[in-house]
Amino acid sequence: MMSAASLSHAEEVNAAFAAVMGDLPDGYVAPEALPDSLLLVPTAPQYGSARKAADEATAAAAIEIQGTARFDLARRDANLHFPEATDAFACALGARITVEDTPRLQQLMARSLVDAGLSTYKAKTEYKRNRPFMENGAPICTPEDEEKLRTDGSYPSGHTAIGWAWALILSELAPDRTDALLARGIQFGESRIICNVHWRNDVTTGRLMGASAVAIMHANPEFIADMKAAKAELAAAPPLSGVDCAAEAEALKIWSSPPAR
């Protein structure tokens, strides 16, 4: 049984997540049963450390490609509203996720977004790490979000956790497209660095939390039922159209990220 203090912290985390994301469906996992980011990720990089220096070097490299097609793609990746959010994976998946053609898959993406994003918030609220633009003064790809991002901790990256969770889920549904889907999931997280709203270490730990959340989702019967239905929907989905996959591929070539340290 959870203590009153634990329940209070869970409510605080939920409130922080809702303030950033707005109205969303319930996830598959009770918030108090999600992976504990405070236990799973290292402490946030400290000023003067090698990890912080590596973060700053990567951020400086990302600023150099602002104004390119990759920066524009990062701006689109920042949109977590449906149906635009899952269009990031349309080329890798070979199909669009829509309420008309794949309603259970869209439900799966929406509910897993909640679990993956929320899994990062215990560490976010504990460390309250500044985001890159708050320190380097460079623009971000979504200036309309700047005010709320200033009060939402940077570490770990919730967007990255969501993108990596989606990549893992979609790879399970379409195993023949695993490499393309995982590669796009990686780049979805890299977009947060390019947007100048997350550091390198925020992104790597975000992937860890996304994977951890997906592992727990697999114990939920509703998740398993949605996975089964989504797989059938994908098999019957119409051919991909309305997405410029060649342009996306060219944009993705622009950023070659240095390894995490």
C-alpha atoms as a PDB file:
ATOM      1  CA  MET A   1       0.000   0.000   0.000  1.00  0.00           C
ATOM      2  CA  MET A   2       1.255   3.479  -0.857  1.00  0.00           C
ATOM      3  CA  SER A   3       1.889   5.950   1.958  1.00  0.00           C
ATOM      4  CA  ALA A   4       0.109   9.302   2.134  1.00  0.00           C
ATOM      5  CA  ALA A   5       3.407  10.953   1.182  1.00  0.00           C
ATOM      6  CA  SER A   6       3.713   8.733  -1.904  1.00  0.00           C
ATOM      7  CA  LEU A   7       0.164   9.518  -2.957  1.00  0.00           C
ATOM      8  CA  SER A   8       0.827  13.224  -2.483  1.00  0.00           C
ATOM      9  CA  HIS A   9       3.929  13.002  -4.679  1.00  0.00           C
ATOM     10  CA  ALA A  10       2.009  11.046  -7.357  1.00  0.00           C
ATOM     11  CA  GLU A  11      -0.631  13.771  -7.405  1.00  0.00           C
ATOM     12  CA  GLU A  12       2.067  16.434  -7.717  1.00  0.00           C
ATOM     13  CA  VAL A  13       3.637  14.573 -10.649  1.00  0.00           C
ATOM     14  CA  ASN A  14       0.263  14.188 -12.369  1.00  0.00           C
ATOM     15  CA  ALA A  15      -0.423  17.889 -11.983  1.00  0.00           C
ATOM     16  CA  ALA A  16       2.965  18.818 -13.465  1.00  0.00           C
ATOM     17  CA  PHE A  17       2.413  16.541 -16.459  1.00  0.00           C
ATOM     18  CA  ALA A  18      -1.124  17.819 -17.063  1.00  0.00           C
ATOM     19  CA  ALA A  19       0.090  21.426 -16.959  1.00  0.00           C
ATOM     20  CA  VAL A  20       2.398  20.710 -19.903  1.00  0.00           C
ATOM     21  CA  MET A  21       0.324  18.233 -21.919  1.00  0.00           C
ATOM     22  CA  GLY A  22      -3.257  19.347 -21.308  1.00  0.00           C
ATOM     23  CA  ASP A  23      -6.230  16.971 -21.484  1.00  0.00           C
ATOM     24  CA  LEU A  24      -5.313  13.392 -22.379  1.00  0.00           C
ATOM     25  CA  PRO A  25      -6.853   9.946 -21.862  1.00  0.00           C
ATOM     26  CA  ASP A  26      -5.838   7.725 -18.999  1.00  0.00           C
ATOM     27  CA  GLY A  27      -2.728   5.666 -19.570  1.00  0.00           C
ATOM     28  CA  TYR A  28      -2.609   1.896 -19.236  1.00  0.00           C
ATOM     29  CA  VAL A  29      -0.648   2.004 -15.992  1.00  0.00           C
ATOM     30  CA  ALA A  30      -1.643   3.639 -12.708  1.00  0.00           C
ATOM     31  CA  PRO A  31       0.715   6.592 -12.157  1.00  0.00           C
ATOM     32  CA  GLU A  32       2.008   5.163  -8.893  1.00  0.00           C
ATOM     33  CA  ALA A  33       2.882   1.887 -10.679  1.00  0.00           C
ATOM     34  CA  LEU A  34       4.993   3.498 -13.412  1.00  0.00           C
ATOM     35  CA  PRO A  35       8.781   3.024 -13.448  1.00  0.00           C
ATOM     36  CA  ASP A  36      10.484   5.280 -10.912  1.00  0.00           C
ATOM     37  CA  SER A  37      12.734   7.667 -12.816  1.00  0.00           C
ATOM     38  CA  LEU A  38      14.439   8.770  -9.608  1.00  0.00           C
ATOM     39  CA  LEU A  39      15.678   5.209  -9.130  1.00  0.00           C
ATOM     40  CA  LEU A  40      16.406   4.399 -12.783  1.00  0.00           C
ATOM     41  CA  VAL A  41      18.293   7.410 -14.151  1.00  0.00           C
ATOM     42  CA  PRO A  42      21.578   8.867 -12.877  1.00  0.00           C
ATOM     43  CA  THR A  43      21.470  12.158 -11.047  1.00  0.00           C
ATOM     44  CA  ALA A  44      21.216  15.133 -13.387  1.00  0.00           C
ATOM     45  CA  PRO A  45      24.585  16.350 -14.740  1.00  0.00           C
ATOM     46  CA  GLN A  46      26.243  18.876 -12.471  1.00  0.00           C
ATOM     47  CA  TYR A  47      27.894  22.139 -13.526  1.00  0.00           C
ATOM     48  CA  GLY A  48      31.588  21.570 -14.180  1.00  0.00           C
ATOM     49  CA  SER A  49      31.180  17.831 -14.809  1.00  0.00           C
ATOM     50  CA  ALA A  50      32.222  15.955 -17.944  1.00  0.00           C
ATOM     51  CA  ARG A  51      28.575  15.067 -18.601  1.00  0.00           C
ATOM     52  CA  LYS A  52      27.555  18.725 -18.516  1.00  0.00           C
ATOM     53  CA  ALA A  53      30.435  19.680 -20.810  1.00  0.00           C
ATOM     54  CA  ALA A  54      29.354  17.007 -23.301  1.00  0.00           C
ATOM     55  CA  ASP A  55      25.780  18.300 -23.128  1.00  0.00           C
ATOM     56  CA  GLU A  56      26.954  21.840 -23.873  1.00  0.00           C
ATOM     57  CA  ALA A  57      29.098  20.711 -26.816  1.00  0.00           C
ATOM     58  CA  THR A  58      26.164  18.844 -28.371  1.00  0.00           C
ATOM     59  CA  ALA A  59      23.848  21.812 -27.842  1.00  0.00           C
ATOM     60  CA  ALA A  60      26.336  24.123 -29.564  1.00  0.00           C
ATOM     61  CA  ALA A  61      26.522  21.767 -32.547  1.00  0.00           C
ATOM     62  CA  ALA A  62      22.734  21.672 -32.760  1.00  0.00           C
ATOM     63  CA  ILE A  63      22.463  25.459 -32.816  1.00  0.00           C
ATOM     64  CA  GLU A  64      24.571  25.440 -35.989  1.00  0.00           C
ATOM     65  CA  ILE A  65      21.791  23.696 -37.958  1.00  0.00           C
ATOM     66  CA  GLN A  66      18.967  26.029 -36.965  1.00  0.00           C
ATOM     67  CA  GLY A  67      17.170  27.247 -40.074  1.00  0.00           C
ATOM     68  CA  THR A  68      17.676  23.982 -41.956  1.00  0.00           C
ATOM     69  CA  ALA A  69      15.150  21.371 -43.019  1.00  0.00           C
ATOM     70  CA  ARG A  70      16.198  19.301 -40.006  1.00  0.00           C
ATOM     71  CA  PHE A  71      15.231  22.157 -37.677  1.00  0.00           C
ATOM     72  CA  ASP A  72      11.845  22.332 -39.420  1.00  0.00           C
ATOM     73  CA  LEU A  73      11.411  18.582 -38.940  1.00  0.00           C
ATOM     74  CA  ALA A  74      12.290  18.958 -35.252  1.00  0.00           C
ATOM     75  CA  ARG A  75       9.536  21.558 -34.966  1.00  0.00           C
ATOM     76  CA  ARG A  76       7.039  19.079 -36.404  1.00  0.00           C
ATOM     77  CA  ASP A  77       8.299  16.349 -34.080  1.00  0.00           C
ATOM     78  CA  ALA A  78       7.563  18.637 -31.124  1.00  0.00           C
ATOM     79  CA  ASN A  79       3.815  18.476 -31.839  1.00  0.00           C
ATOM     80  CA  LEU A  80       2.244  15.805 -29.639  1.00  0.00           C
ATOM     81  CA  HIS A  81      -1.319  16.556 -30.688  1.00  0.00           C
ATOM     82  CA  PHE A  82      -3.137  13.967 -32.789  1.00  0.00           C
ATOM     83  CA  PRO A  83      -3.188  13.201 -35.660  1.00  0.00           C
ATOM     84  CA  GLU A  84      -0.022  15.229 -36.400  1.00  0.00           C
ATOM     85  CA  ALA A  85       2.015  13.579 -33.644  1.00  0.00           C
ATOM     86  CA  THR A  86       2.113  10.106 -35.131  1.00  0.00           C
ATOM     87  CA  ASP A  87       2.772  11.377 -38.658  1.00  0.00           C
ATOM     88  CA  ALA A  88       6.414  11.440 -37.531  1.00  0.00           C
ATOM     89  CA  PHE A  89       6.385   7.644 -37.903  1.00  0.00           C
ATOM     90  CA  ALA A  90       4.307   7.400 -41.088  1.00  0.00           C
ATOM     91  CA  CYS A  91       7.259   6.949 -43.452  1.00  0.00           C
ATOM     92  CA  ALA A  92       8.976   4.418 -41.221  1.00  0.00           C
ATOM     93  CA  LEU A  93       5.724   2.519 -40.685  1.00  0.00           C
ATOM     94  CA  GLY A  94       4.513   2.748 -44.281  1.00  0.00           C
ATOM     95  CA  ALA A  95       1.081   3.885 -43.109  1.00  0.00           C
ATOM     96  CA  ARG A  96      -0.610   6.810 -41.416  1.00  0.00           C
ATOM     97  CA  ILE A  97      -2.219   6.400 -38.009  1.00  0.00           C
ATOM     98  CA  THR A  98      -5.685   7.969 -38.167  1.00  0.00           C
ATOM     99  CA  VAL A  99      -8.918   7.718 -36.232  1.00  0.00           C
ATOM    100  CA  GLU A 100     -10.687   6.748 -39.474  1.00  0.00           C
ATOM    101  CA  ASP A 101      -8.444   3.866 -40.587  1.00  0.00           C
ATOM    102  CA  THR A 102      -6.652   2.776 -37.401  1.00  0.00           C
ATOM    103  CA  PRO A 103      -8.746   3.904 -34.403  1.00  0.00           C
ATOM    104  CA  ARG A 104      -7.400   1.313 -31.957  1.00  0.00           C
ATOM    105  CA  LEU A 105      -3.837   2.088 -32.978  1.00  0.00           C
ATOM    106  CA  GLN A 106      -4.436   5.791 -32.418  1.00  0.00           C
ATOM    107  CA  GLN A 107      -5.898   4.963 -29.012  1.00  0.00           C
ATOM    108  CA  LEU A 108      -2.811   2.874 -28.300  1.00  0.00           C
ATOM    109  CA  MET A 109      -0.543   5.775 -29.210  1.00  0.00           C
ATOM    110  CA  ALA A 110      -2.510   8.241 -27.067  1.00  0.00           C
ATOM    111  CA  ARG A 111      -2.636   6.072 -23.957  1.00  0.00           C
ATOM    112  CA  SER A 112       0.999   4.997 -24.221  1.00  0.00           C
ATOM    113  CA  LEU A 113       1.981   8.669 -24.627  1.00  0.00           C
ATOM    114  CA  VAL A 114       0.560   9.305 -21.164  1.00  0.00           C
ATOM    115  CA  ASP A 115       2.439   6.427 -19.530  1.00  0.00           C
ATOM    116  CA  ALA A 116       5.765   7.137 -21.230  1.00  0.00           C
ATOM    117  CA  GLY A 117       5.641  10.884 -20.660  1.00  0.00           C
ATOM    118  CA  LEU A 118       4.494  10.603 -17.066  1.00  0.00           C
ATOM    119  CA  SER A 119       7.250   8.105 -16.267  1.00  0.00           C
ATOM    120  CA  THR A 120       9.830  10.923 -16.501  1.00  0.00           C
ATOM    121  CA  TYR A 121       8.195  13.317 -14.074  1.00  0.00           C
ATOM    122  CA  LYS A 122       9.490  12.152 -10.700  1.00  0.00           C
ATOM    123  CA  ALA A 123      13.023  12.996 -11.844  1.00  0.00           C
ATOM    124  CA  LYS A 124      11.869  16.122 -13.691  1.00  0.00           C
ATOM    125  CA  THR A 125      10.239  17.563 -10.605  1.00  0.00           C
ATOM    126  CA  GLU A 126      13.137  16.529  -8.368  1.00  0.00           C
ATOM    127  CA  TYR A 127      16.023  17.919 -10.443  1.00  0.00           C
ATOM    128  CA  LYS A 128      14.256  20.868 -12.105  1.00  0.00           C
ATOM    129  CA  ARG A 129      17.088  21.057 -14.609  1.00  0.00           C
ATOM    130  CA  ASN A 130      17.330  24.173 -16.779  1.00  0.00           C
ATOM    131  CA  ARG A 131      16.752  23.669 -20.471  1.00  0.00           C
ATOM    132  CA  PRO A 132      19.477  24.595 -22.978  1.00  0.00           C
ATOM    133  CA  PHE A 133      17.815  27.784 -24.244  1.00  0.00           C
ATOM    134  CA  MET A 134      17.698  29.084 -20.678  1.00  0.00           C
ATOM    135  CA  GLU A 135      21.503  28.974 -20.565  1.00  0.00           C
ATOM    136  CA  ASN A 136      22.677  29.590 -24.139  1.00  0.00           C
ATOM    137  CA  GLY A 137      20.022  32.152 -25.119  1.00  0.00           C
ATOM    138  CA  ALA A 138      19.546  30.658 -28.600  1.00  0.00           C
ATOM    139  CA  PRO A 139      16.080  30.290 -30.170  1.00  0.00           C
ATOM    140  CA  ILE A 140      13.929  27.193 -29.817  1.00  0.00           C
ATOM    141  CA  CYS A 141      11.863  25.534 -32.520  1.00  0.00           C
ATOM    142  CA  THR A 142       8.548  26.222 -30.748  1.00  0.00           C
ATOM    143  CA  PRO A 143       8.788  29.719 -29.243  1.00  0.00           C
ATOM    144  CA  GLU A 144       5.108  29.553 -28.325  1.00  0.00           C
ATOM    145  CA  ASP A 145       6.027  26.870 -25.748  1.00  0.00           C
ATOM    146  CA  GLU A 146       8.883  28.774 -24.125  1.00  0.00           C
ATOM    147  CA  GLU A 147       6.983  30.033 -21.083  1.00  0.00           C
ATOM    148  CA  LYS A 148       5.751  26.611 -19.954  1.00  0.00           C
ATOM    149  CA  LEU A 149       9.072  24.934 -20.778  1.00  0.00           C
ATOM    150  CA  ARG A 150      10.886  27.305 -18.434  1.00  0.00           C
ATOM    151  CA  THR A 151       9.068  25.792 -15.466  1.00  0.00           C
ATOM    152  CA  ASP A 152       9.085  22.176 -16.682  1.00  0.00           C
ATOM    153  CA  GLY A 153      12.279  20.311 -15.788  1.00  0.00           C
ATOM    154  CA  SER A 154      14.524  19.229 -18.633  1.00  0.00           C
ATOM    155  CA  TYR A 155      15.779  15.910 -17.234  1.00  0.00           C
ATOM    156  CA  PRO A 156      14.758  13.337 -18.461  1.00  0.00           C
ATOM    157  CA  SER A 157      13.077  14.234 -21.756  1.00  0.00           C
ATOM    158  CA  GLY A 158       9.391  13.349 -21.820  1.00  0.00           C
ATOM    159  CA  HIS A 159       9.122  13.804 -25.595  1.00  0.00           C
ATOM    160  CA  THR A 160      11.996  11.367 -26.060  1.00  0.00           C
ATOM    161  CA  ALA A 161      10.383   8.826 -23.740  1.00  0.00           C
ATOM    162  CA  ILE A 162       7.189   9.067 -25.777  1.00  0.00           C
ATOM    163  CA  GLY A 163       8.926   8.771 -29.151  1.00  0.00           C
ATOM    164  CA  TRP A 164      10.985   5.780 -28.029  1.00  0.00           C
ATOM    165  CA  ALA A 165       7.923   4.076 -26.532  1.00  0.00           C
ATOM    166  CA  TRP A 166       6.093   4.556 -29.820  1.00  0.00           C
ATOM    167  CA  ALA A 167       9.046   3.193 -31.793  1.00  0.00           C
ATOM    168  CA  LEU A 168       9.148   0.063 -29.633  1.00  0.00           C
ATOM    169  CA  ILE A 169       5.388  -0.474 -29.820  1.00  0.00           C
ATOM    170  CA  LEU A 170       5.245   0.050 -33.589  1.00  0.00           C
ATOM    171  CA  SER A 171       8.231  -2.260 -34.086  1.00  0.00           C
ATOM    172  CA  GLU A 172       6.313  -4.976 -32.278  1.00  0.00           C
ATOM    173  CA  LEU A 173       3.298  -4.386 -34.512  1.00  0.00           C
ATOM    174  CA  ALA A 174       5.332  -4.202 -37.732  1.00  0.00           C
ATOM    175  CA  PRO A 175       8.497  -6.273 -37.128  1.00  0.00           C
ATOM    176  CA  ASP A 176       9.466  -6.127 -40.790  1.00  0.00           C
ATOM    177  CA  ARG A 177       9.969  -2.361 -40.327  1.00  0.00           C
ATOM    178  CA  THR A 178      11.859  -2.529 -37.032  1.00  0.00           C
ATOM    179  CA  ASP A 179      15.089  -0.880 -38.197  1.00  0.00           C
ATOM    180  CA  ALA A 180      13.301   2.067 -39.806  1.00  0.00           C
ATOM    181  CA  LEU A 181      10.976   2.539 -36.842  1.00  0.00           C
ATOM    182  CA  LEU A 182      13.725   2.403 -34.227  1.00  0.00           C
ATOM    183  CA  ALA A 183      15.885   4.777 -36.276  1.00  0.00           C
ATOM    184  CA  ARG A 184      12.985   7.227 -36.457  1.00  0.00           C
ATOM    185  CA  GLY A 185      12.409   6.832 -32.731  1.00  0.00           C
ATOM    186  CA  ILE A 186      16.019   7.784 -32.094  1.00  0.00           C
ATOM    187  CA  GLN A 187      15.719  10.833 -34.344  1.00  0.00           C
ATOM    188  CA  PHE A 188      12.458  11.841 -32.632  1.00  0.00           C
ATOM    189  CA  GLY A 189      14.489  12.254 -29.459  1.00  0.00           C
ATOM    190  CA  GLU A 190      17.352  13.955 -31.298  1.00  0.00           C
ATOM    191  CA  SER A 191      14.809  16.545 -32.435  1.00  0.00           C
ATOM    192  CA  ARG A 192      14.611  17.766 -28.852  1.00  0.00           C
ATOM    193  CA  ILE A 193      18.322  18.583 -28.912  1.00  0.00           C
ATOM    194  CA  ILE A 194      17.961  20.275 -32.291  1.00  0.00           C
ATOM    195  CA  CYS A 195      15.030  22.288 -30.933  1.00  0.00           C
ATOM    196  CA  ASN A 196      17.364  23.584 -28.175  1.00  0.00           C
ATOM    197  CA  VAL A 197      14.945  22.438 -25.472  1.00  0.00           C
ATOM    198  CA  HIS A 198      16.806  19.354 -24.200  1.00  0.00           C
ATOM    199  CA  TRP A 199      20.365  18.324 -23.480  1.00  0.00           C
ATOM    200  CA  ARG A 200      22.049  15.133 -24.710  1.00  0.00           C
ATOM    201  CA  ASN A 201      21.725  13.423 -21.303  1.00  0.00           C
ATOM    202  CA  ASP A 202      18.032  14.354 -21.092  1.00  0.00           C
ATOM    203  CA  VAL A 203      17.462  12.448 -24.309  1.00  0.00           C
ATOM    204  CA  THR A 204      19.423   9.308 -23.451  1.00  0.00           C
ATOM    205  CA  THR A 205      17.648   8.974 -20.114  1.00  0.00           C
ATOM    206  CA  GLY A 206      14.324   9.698 -21.802  1.00  0.00           C
ATOM    207  CA  ARG A 207      14.823   6.611 -23.968  1.00  0.00           C
ATOM    208  CA  LEU A 208      15.464   4.533 -20.863  1.00  0.00           C
ATOM    209  CA  MET A 209      12.213   5.692 -19.307  1.00  0.00           C
ATOM    210  CA  GLY A 210      10.236   5.115 -22.507  1.00  0.00           C
ATOM    211  CA  ALA A 211      11.478   1.522 -22.704  1.00  0.00           C
ATOM    212  CA  SER A 212      10.760   0.970 -19.003  1.00  0.00           C
ATOM    213  CA  ALA A 213       7.206   2.239 -19.411  1.00  0.00           C
ATOM    214  CA  VAL A 214       6.551  -0.052 -22.382  1.00  0.00           C
ATOM    215  CA  ALA A 215       7.770  -3.045 -20.384  1.00  0.00           C
ATOM    216  CA  ILE A 216       5.171  -2.363 -17.683  1.00  0.00           C
ATOM    217  CA  MET A 217       2.397  -1.687 -20.208  1.00  0.00           C
ATOM    218  CA  HIS A 218       2.748  -5.284 -21.390  1.00  0.00           C
ATOM    219  CA  ALA A 219       1.285  -6.475 -18.080  1.00  0.00           C
ATOM    220  CA  ASN A 220      -1.969  -4.600 -18.764  1.00  0.00           C
ATOM    221  CA  PRO A 221      -4.791  -6.580 -20.480  1.00  0.00           C
ATOM    222  CA  GLU A 222      -6.183  -3.460 -22.178  1.00  0.00           C
ATOM    223  CA  PHE A 223      -2.779  -2.740 -23.700  1.00  0.00           C
ATOM    224  CA  ILE A 224      -2.521  -6.317 -24.988  1.00  0.00           C
ATOM    225  CA  ALA A 225      -6.037  -6.100 -26.473  1.00  0.00           C
ATOM    226  CA  ASP A 226      -5.237  -2.809 -28.191  1.00  0.00           C
ATOM    227  CA  MET A 227      -1.995  -4.256 -29.562  1.00  0.00           C
ATOM    228  CA  LYS A 228      -3.881  -7.180 -31.090  1.00  0.00           C
ATOM    229  CA  ALA A 229      -6.533  -4.917 -32.625  1.00  0.00           C
ATOM    230  CA  ALA A 230      -3.915  -2.436 -33.871  1.00  0.00           C
ATOM    231  CA  LYS A 231      -1.968  -5.185 -35.626  1.00  0.00           C
ATOM    232  CA  ALA A 232      -5.116  -6.188 -37.527  1.00  0.00           C
ATOM    233  CA  GLU A 233      -5.817  -2.564 -38.436  1.00  0.00           C
ATOM    234  CA  LEU A 234      -2.314  -2.097 -39.807  1.00  0.00           C
ATOM    235  CA  ALA A 235      -2.682  -5.168 -41.989  1.00  0.00           C
ATOM    236  CA  ALA A 236      -5.741  -3.562 -43.598  1.00  0.00           C
ATOM    237  CA  ALA A 237      -4.504   0.055 -43.635  1.00  0.00           C
ATOM    238  CA  PRO A 238      -4.482   1.899 -46.982  1.00  0.00           C
ATOM    239  CA  PRO A 239      -1.164   2.631 -48.710  1.00  0.00           C
ATOM    240  CA  LEU A 240       0.725   5.610 -47.400  1.00  0.00           C
ATOM    241  CA  SER A 241      -0.072   8.902 -49.107  1.00  0.00           C
ATOM    242  CA  GLY A 242       0.149  12.600 -48.386  1.00  0.00           C
ATOM    243  CA  VAL A 243       3.577  12.424 -46.720  1.00  0.00           C
ATOM    244  CA  ASP A 244       6.830  13.506 -48.416  1.00  0.00           C
ATOM    245  CA  CYS A 245       9.087  10.688 -47.277  1.00  0.00           C
ATOM    246  CA  ALA A 246      11.924  11.685 -49.598  1.00  0.00           C
ATOM    247  CA  ALA A 247      12.069  15.153 -48.035  1.00  0.00           C
ATOM    248  CA  GLU A 248      12.028  13.647 -44.557  1.00  0.00           C
ATOM    249  CA  ALA A 249      14.892  11.322 -45.443  1.00  0.00           C
ATOM    250  CA  GLU A 250      16.971  14.227 -46.750  1.00  0.00           C
ATOM    251  CA  ALA A 251      16.274  16.291 -43.637  1.00  0.00           C
ATOM    252  CA  LEU A 252      17.317  13.439 -41.351  1.00  0.00           C
ATOM    253  CA  LYS A 253      20.729  13.275 -43.056  1.00  0.00           C
ATOM    254  CA  ILE A 254      21.611  16.768 -41.818  1.00  0.00           C
ATOM    255  CA  TRP A 255      22.142  15.835 -38.161  1.00  0.00           C
ATOM    256  CA  SER A 256      24.717  13.274 -37.129  1.00  0.00           C
ATOM    257  CA  SER A 257      24.767  13.401 -33.370  1.00  0.00           C
ATOM    258  CA  PRO A 258      27.901  12.805 -31.307  1.00  0.00           C
ATOM    259  CA  PRO A 259      27.643   9.882 -28.866  1.00  0.00           C
ATOM    260  CA  ALA A 260      26.434  10.326 -25.312  1.00  0.00           C
ATOM    261  CA  ARG A 261      29.128  10.516 -22.603  1.00  0.00           C
END
